[in-house]
Protein backbone atom coordinates (compact mmCIF):
# COMPACT_ATOMS: atom_id res chain seq x y z
CA MET A 1 0.08 0.36 -0.47
CA ALA A 2 0.90 3.94 -1.13
CA LYS A 3 2.30 5.96 1.74
CA GLN A 4 -0.24 8.44 2.61
CA LYS A 5 1.87 12.52 2.41
CA GLY A 6 2.90 13.38 5.83
CA THR A 7 3.01 16.96 6.57
CA ARG A 8 6.30 17.88 6.95
CA ILE A 9 7.04 19.45 2.79
CA ILE A 10 10.59 19.71 1.78
CA ILE A 11 10.59 24.23 0.72
CA HIS A 12 13.49 26.53 -1.43
CA LEU A 13 13.97 29.48 0.00
CA GLU A 14 14.79 32.21 -2.63
CA CYS A 15 16.76 35.72 -0.94
CA THR A 16 14.83 38.09 -2.30
CA ASN A 17 17.21 41.16 -3.00
CA CYS A 18 18.54 38.81 -5.36
CA ARG A 19 15.96 39.06 -7.61
CA THR A 20 15.84 43.46 -7.57
CA SER A 21 19.18 43.76 -7.24
CA THR A 22 21.79 44.94 -10.05
CA SER A 23 25.31 45.94 -7.41
CA LYS A 24 25.72 42.40 -5.82
CA ARG A 25 29.41 40.40 -5.05
CA ALA A 26 28.80 38.19 -7.51
CA GLU A 27 26.06 36.93 -9.69
CA GLY A 28 23.62 34.34 -8.94
CA VAL A 29 20.87 33.58 -6.82
CA SER A 30 21.14 31.99 -2.94
CA ARG A 31 18.58 29.28 -2.20
CA TYR A 32 18.64 27.06 0.96
CA THR A 33 16.36 24.21 1.28
CA THR A 34 14.13 23.59 4.67
CA MET A 35 11.41 21.74 5.56
CA LYS A 36 8.13 22.87 6.84
CA ASN A 37 4.46 21.46 8.74
CA ARG A 38 2.82 22.95 6.75
CA ARG A 39 -1.12 22.26 8.72
CA ASN A 40 0.96 24.98 11.51
CA THR A 41 2.17 27.50 9.16
CA PRO A 42 0.17 27.62 6.05
CA SER A 43 1.20 30.39 4.73
CA ARG A 44 4.80 31.14 2.79
CA LEU A 45 7.43 30.91 5.05
CA GLU A 46 9.97 33.49 5.71
CA ARG A 47 12.98 33.83 7.58
CA LYS A 48 16.64 35.99 7.12
CA LYS A 49 19.70 34.12 6.88
CA PHE A 50 23.32 34.60 5.06
CA CYS A 51 23.67 35.10 0.99
CA PRO A 52 26.41 33.89 -0.26
CA TYR A 53 25.82 36.72 -3.47
CA CYS A 54 24.58 39.77 -1.63
CA ASN A 55 27.44 39.13 0.93
CA SER A 56 25.07 40.34 4.31
CA HIS A 57 22.22 38.72 5.30
CA THR A 58 18.95 38.74 3.70
CA ILE A 59 14.82 38.28 4.11
CA HIS A 60 14.11 34.53 2.15
CA ARG A 61 11.04 34.29 1.05
CA GLU A 62 9.28 30.39 0.45
CA THR A 63 9.47 30.38 -3.62
CA LYS A 64 6.38 27.57 -5.19
């Protein structure tokens, strides 16, 4: 029998500053992978993480 899909899902966080800014240290977009519980946090997740391309701590938002 197949397993039911759990409440924890894998999501990707992407730097919001890299998408809009052209003055960066290097070209590219910072992405992190993490998990979230879809029952406790149904909305999109936002975390402050280090972006190696911007060389600073910026807000990373959940992508589709």
